[in-house]
């Protein structure tokens, strides 16, 4: 039972900071926040993602490329140019690594206005740091796993950040329905979207890329948006008014 709780907590906390901080803040700047609070969110993203920490700068640049070239040959992770999710994920990882290591010069319009923290970004992406997190996960499983099959969850936790991205990028552009004609193949994938904290309302998001609420119809519930509204109310963050026609 402890392993299940640990797994679910890791799943949703890692996913929360991916959508709340990396996606909605780093890539789209849907809200503003003081530098100290930004650093707190940055650190919590590192801790919750652990061995699969995603560099915010690289994430923001690649996600902006995705919006600008959605489901075209320039899209870094459109599922319509790969035979399976594994090939798409591998290509995504290669593109991400190029931005992470600054081996690829992004277009000028994709640069800037994203959070950077050299200490966390460097060491969080270092293989030794990732190995330390993996060893901590293994130690936890060794201490609390009561059945052999619980160990099957461990590989998922090790690659959780990229796994979340693969689910969203694959399912969100292949399965579901569309509220809008965006000129791409983005879909809203319900009812499993709850497990992805709103990220699978891809069709809505591509229509309104800087809107903090990914749900648009009465039954489309984005569980992260009320959290953001509460943070706005208590002045932890300040929600930005969506700008029509702006990608980020």
Protein backbone atom coordinates (compact mmCIF):
# COMPACT_ATOMS: atom_id res chain seq x y z
CA UNK A 1 0.00 0.00 0.00
CA UNK A 2 2.87 2.38 0.79
CA UNK A 3 4.35 1.79 -2.67
CA UNK A 4 1.01 2.55 -4.34
CA UNK A 5 0.68 5.79 -2.37
CA UNK A 6 4.28 6.70 -3.24
CA UNK A 7 3.68 5.98 -6.92
CA UNK A 8 0.43 7.98 -7.12
CA UNK A 9 1.92 10.90 -5.20
CA UNK A 10 4.91 10.91 -7.54
CA UNK A 11 2.67 10.65 -10.61
CA UNK A 12 0.43 13.58 -9.75
CA UNK A 13 3.03 15.85 -8.13
CA UNK A 14 5.43 15.40 -11.04
CA UNK A 15 2.60 15.96 -13.51
CA UNK A 16 1.32 19.00 -11.61
CA UNK A 17 4.63 20.82 -11.79
CA UNK A 18 5.07 19.81 -15.42
CA UNK A 19 1.76 21.37 -16.42
CA UNK A 20 1.71 24.23 -13.89
CA UNK A 21 5.34 25.34 -14.09
CA UNK A 22 6.95 23.97 -17.23
CA UNK A 23 3.95 24.20 -19.54
CA UNK A 24 1.77 27.03 -18.30
CA UNK A 25 4.58 29.23 -16.96
CA UNK A 26 7.87 28.46 -18.70
CA UNK A 27 6.41 27.91 -22.17
CA UNK A 28 3.33 30.15 -22.16
CA UNK A 29 3.77 32.63 -19.27
CA UNK A 30 0.11 32.30 -18.31
CA UNK A 31 0.91 33.94 -14.99
CA UNK A 32 3.57 36.06 -13.35
CA UNK A 33 5.12 35.50 -9.94
CA UNK A 34 7.95 37.03 -7.86
CA UNK A 35 11.45 35.69 -8.47
CA UNK A 36 11.56 33.97 -5.08
CA UNK A 37 8.32 32.10 -5.76
CA UNK A 38 9.55 31.20 -9.24
CA UNK A 39 12.64 29.63 -7.65
CA UNK A 40 10.44 27.67 -5.23
CA UNK A 41 8.41 26.29 -8.15
CA UNK A 42 11.63 25.56 -10.05
CA UNK A 43 13.06 23.62 -7.13
CA UNK A 44 9.83 21.69 -6.54
CA UNK A 45 9.75 20.74 -10.23
CA UNK A 46 13.26 19.33 -9.86
CA UNK A 47 12.39 17.38 -6.69
CA UNK A 48 9.09 15.97 -7.92
CA UNK A 49 10.39 15.00 -11.37
CA UNK A 50 13.56 13.58 -9.86
CA UNK A 51 15.37 11.25 -12.23
CA UNK A 52 13.36 12.56 -15.19
CA UNK A 53 13.75 16.29 -14.52
CA UNK A 54 12.98 18.36 -17.61
CA UNK A 55 15.01 21.53 -18.14
CA UNK A 56 12.51 24.46 -18.22
CA UNK A 57 14.35 26.37 -20.96
CA UNK A 58 14.54 23.34 -23.25
CA UNK A 59 10.92 22.47 -22.48
CA UNK A 60 9.71 25.99 -23.29
CA UNK A 61 11.58 26.23 -26.59
CA UNK A 62 10.48 22.82 -27.83
CA UNK A 63 6.89 23.38 -26.78
CA UNK A 64 6.80 26.70 -28.60
CA UNK A 65 8.11 24.93 -31.70
CA UNK A 66 5.31 22.40 -31.30
CA UNK A 67 2.65 25.11 -31.29
CA UNK A 68 4.12 27.00 -34.20
CA UNK A 69 4.45 23.86 -36.36
CA UNK A 70 1.71 21.66 -34.92
CA UNK A 71 1.42 18.36 -36.80
CA UNK A 72 3.72 19.41 -39.61
CA UNK A 73 7.15 18.01 -40.46
CA UNK A 74 8.73 20.70 -38.26
CA UNK A 75 6.73 19.64 -35.22
CA UNK A 76 9.26 18.01 -32.83
CA UNK A 77 6.76 15.43 -31.61
CA UNK A 78 3.73 15.00 -33.84
CA UNK A 79 2.54 11.36 -33.72
CA UNK A 80 1.58 11.50 -37.39
CA UNK A 81 5.17 11.23 -38.59
CA UNK A 82 6.14 8.14 -36.56
CA UNK A 83 5.00 4.52 -36.69
CA UNK A 84 4.68 4.19 -32.90
CA UNK A 85 4.95 6.11 -29.66
CA UNK A 86 8.46 4.80 -28.99
CA UNK A 87 9.89 6.31 -32.19
CA UNK A 88 8.15 9.60 -31.44
CA UNK A 89 9.49 9.60 -27.87
CA UNK A 90 13.03 8.88 -29.04
CA UNK A 91 12.93 11.73 -31.54
CA UNK A 92 11.48 14.00 -28.86
CA UNK A 93 14.30 13.05 -26.48
CA UNK A 94 16.94 13.83 -29.11
CA UNK A 95 15.43 17.24 -29.88
CA UNK A 96 15.07 18.02 -26.18
CA UNK A 97 18.70 17.08 -25.50
CA UNK A 98 19.89 19.43 -28.25
CA UNK A 99 18.09 22.35 -26.60
CA UNK A 100 19.14 21.25 -23.12
CA UNK A 101 22.83 21.22 -24.10
CA UNK A 102 22.45 24.30 -26.34
CA UNK A 103 23.61 22.36 -29.39
CA UNK A 104 20.78 23.72 -31.51
CA UNK A 105 20.04 27.38 -32.08
CA UNK A 106 16.27 27.98 -31.84
CA UNK A 107 14.43 30.54 -33.91
CA UNK A 108 14.54 34.03 -32.41
CA UNK A 109 10.80 34.05 -31.70
CA UNK A 110 11.11 30.99 -29.46
CA UNK A 111 13.85 32.49 -27.30
CA UNK A 112 13.58 34.24 -23.96
CA UNK A 113 10.94 34.84 -21.32
CA UNK A 114 11.49 31.46 -19.68
CA UNK A 115 12.92 30.69 -16.21
CA UNK A 116 16.55 29.67 -15.87
CA UNK A 117 18.46 28.61 -12.75
CA UNK A 118 21.91 27.44 -13.72
CA UNK A 119 22.54 25.42 -10.55
CA UNK A 120 19.33 23.36 -10.74
CA UNK A 121 19.26 23.17 -14.53
CA UNK A 122 22.82 21.86 -14.73
CA UNK A 123 22.84 19.42 -11.84
CA UNK A 124 19.20 18.39 -12.31
CA UNK A 125 20.04 17.21 -15.82
CA UNK A 126 23.34 15.56 -14.84
CA UNK A 127 23.46 11.76 -15.13
CA UNK A 128 24.92 11.44 -11.63
CA UNK A 129 21.96 13.32 -10.15
CA UNK A 130 19.54 11.15 -12.08
CA UNK A 131 21.34 8.04 -10.82
CA UNK A 132 21.08 9.26 -7.22
CA UNK A 133 17.32 9.65 -7.58
CA UNK A 134 17.05 6.17 -9.10
CA UNK A 135 18.99 4.68 -6.18
CA UNK A 136 16.66 6.46 -3.75
CA UNK A 137 13.64 4.99 -5.55
CA UNK A 138 15.21 1.51 -5.44
CA UNK A 139 15.95 1.86 -1.73
CA UNK A 140 12.35 2.89 -1.07
CA UNK A 141 11.03 -0.10 -2.99
CA UNK A 142 13.44 -2.43 -1.21
CA UNK A 143 12.17 -1.16 2.13
CA UNK A 144 8.43 -1.15 1.43
CA UNK A 145 7.57 -3.40 -1.56
CA UNK A 146 5.57 -6.35 -0.25
CA UNK A 147 4.92 -8.11 -3.58
CA UNK A 148 7.14 -8.68 -6.60
CA UNK A 149 4.71 -7.03 -9.01
CA UNK A 150 5.07 -3.69 -7.25
CA UNK A 151 8.58 -3.48 -8.70
CA UNK A 152 6.96 -3.17 -12.13
CA UNK A 153 6.03 0.40 -11.16
CA UNK A 154 9.66 1.39 -10.63
CA UNK A 155 10.62 1.85 -14.32
CA UNK A 156 7.59 4.11 -14.75
CA UNK A 157 8.77 6.33 -11.91
CA UNK A 158 12.27 6.55 -13.34
CA UNK A 159 11.05 7.96 -16.69
CA UNK A 160 7.90 9.67 -15.43
CA UNK A 161 8.48 13.15 -16.92
CA UNK A 162 9.05 11.99 -20.51
CA UNK A 163 6.28 9.41 -20.08
CA UNK A 164 3.77 12.13 -19.26
CA UNK A 165 4.89 14.01 -22.35
CA UNK A 166 4.60 10.92 -24.55
CA UNK A 167 1.03 10.24 -23.40
CA UNK A 168 -0.04 13.83 -24.06
CA UNK A 169 1.74 14.18 -27.39
CA UNK A 170 0.54 10.83 -28.75
CA UNK A 171 -3.02 10.63 -27.42
CA UNK A 172 -3.70 14.36 -27.59
CA UNK A 173 -3.09 14.43 -31.34
CA UNK A 174 -4.65 11.09 -32.30
CA UNK A 175 -7.64 10.16 -30.12
CA UNK A 176 -10.75 12.05 -29.10
CA UNK A 177 -12.88 14.87 -30.46
CA UNK A 178 -12.35 18.46 -31.58
CA UNK A 179 -14.18 21.59 -30.47
CA UNK A 180 -12.25 23.75 -32.92
CA UNK A 181 -10.72 23.53 -36.37
CA UNK A 182 -7.15 24.56 -35.62
CA UNK A 183 -5.64 23.40 -38.87
CA UNK A 184 -3.91 20.52 -37.09
CA UNK A 185 -4.89 17.13 -35.62
CA UNK A 186 -5.15 18.12 -31.95
CA UNK A 187 -7.86 16.33 -29.96
CA UNK A 188 -9.56 16.45 -26.58
CA UNK A 189 -9.14 13.03 -24.99
CA UNK A 190 -11.75 12.47 -22.29
CA UNK A 191 -12.55 10.92 -19.82
CA UNK A 192 -8.94 9.86 -19.12
CA UNK A 193 -7.85 13.49 -19.10
CA UNK A 194 -8.27 13.64 -15.33
CA UNK A 195 -5.27 11.34 -15.02
CA UNK A 196 -3.26 13.94 -16.97
CA UNK A 197 -4.51 17.03 -15.04
CA UNK A 198 -6.02 18.79 -18.04
CA UNK A 199 -3.13 18.23 -20.44
CA UNK A 200 -5.19 16.09 -22.81
CA UNK A 201 -7.50 18.96 -23.76
CA UNK A 202 -5.07 19.55 -26.61
CA UNK A 203 -7.61 20.82 -29.13
CA UNK A 204 -8.82 23.48 -26.69
CA UNK A 205 -5.26 24.41 -25.78
CA UNK A 206 -4.13 24.81 -29.39
CA UNK A 207 -7.10 27.12 -30.01
CA UNK A 208 -6.41 29.19 -26.90
CA UNK A 209 -2.69 28.59 -26.22
CA UNK A 210 -2.26 31.15 -23.45
CA UNK A 211 -5.54 30.53 -21.64
CA UNK A 212 -4.90 29.01 -18.17
CA UNK A 213 -8.14 27.00 -18.32
CA UNK A 214 -7.77 24.06 -20.70
CA UNK A 215 -11.42 23.02 -20.31
CA UNK A 216 -13.96 24.93 -22.44
CA UNK A 217 -17.21 22.96 -22.30
CA UNK A 218 -19.22 22.24 -19.15
CA UNK A 219 -17.98 18.66 -18.86
CA UNK A 220 -14.34 19.50 -19.59
CA UNK A 221 -12.78 19.88 -16.16
CA UNK A 222 -9.22 21.15 -15.90
CA UNK A 223 -8.27 20.35 -12.27
CA UNK A 224 -5.21 22.63 -12.30
CA UNK A 225 -7.14 25.80 -13.18
CA UNK A 226 -8.96 26.11 -9.81
CA UNK A 227 -5.59 25.73 -8.08
CA UNK A 228 -4.23 28.57 -10.18
CA UNK A 229 -7.30 30.68 -9.40
CA UNK A 230 -6.74 30.10 -5.69
CA UNK A 231 -3.05 31.01 -6.00
CA UNK A 232 -4.09 34.16 -7.85
CA UNK A 233 -6.61 35.02 -5.14
CA UNK A 234 -4.03 34.71 -2.35
CA UNK A 235 -1.47 36.58 -4.52
CA UNK A 236 1.06 33.78 -4.95
CA UNK A 237 0.74 34.23 -8.70
CA UNK A 238 -0.97 36.77 -10.95
CA UNK A 239 -2.91 35.27 -13.83
CA UNK A 240 -2.30 36.92 -17.17
CA UNK A 241 -5.23 37.96 -19.35
CA UNK A 242 -5.16 35.74 -22.47
CA UNK A 243 -4.12 37.55 -25.64
CA UNK A 244 -5.98 36.51 -28.77
CA UNK A 245 -3.72 35.29 -31.56
CA UNK A 246 -0.65 34.96 -29.32
CA UNK A 247 1.04 31.56 -28.97
CA UNK A 248 3.06 32.45 -25.86
